[in-house]
């Protein structure tokens, strides 16, 4: 059976950061100071809205579970006529 030997394995995009022609070398100190995280008001709003929607979904799910448990307990005690 044939054997393949790989001696120079690097992640995709490696050459963009460690090449002699890297774009990072072209940035000035002032430009580097101006770089920030990259979040925008739209990004933050999306996270907040997504968190609220997820919380509402979890709350509704918890309510459903609690209601079902209460109904089963009432059925076991003979206080309800549905399973």
Foldseek 3Di string as FASTA:
>chain_A
DDDDDDDDDDDPPPCCVPPPPHVVVVDDPVRVVPDDDPDDPVNVVVVVVVVVVVVVVVVVVVVVVVVVVVVVVCVVVVNDDDD
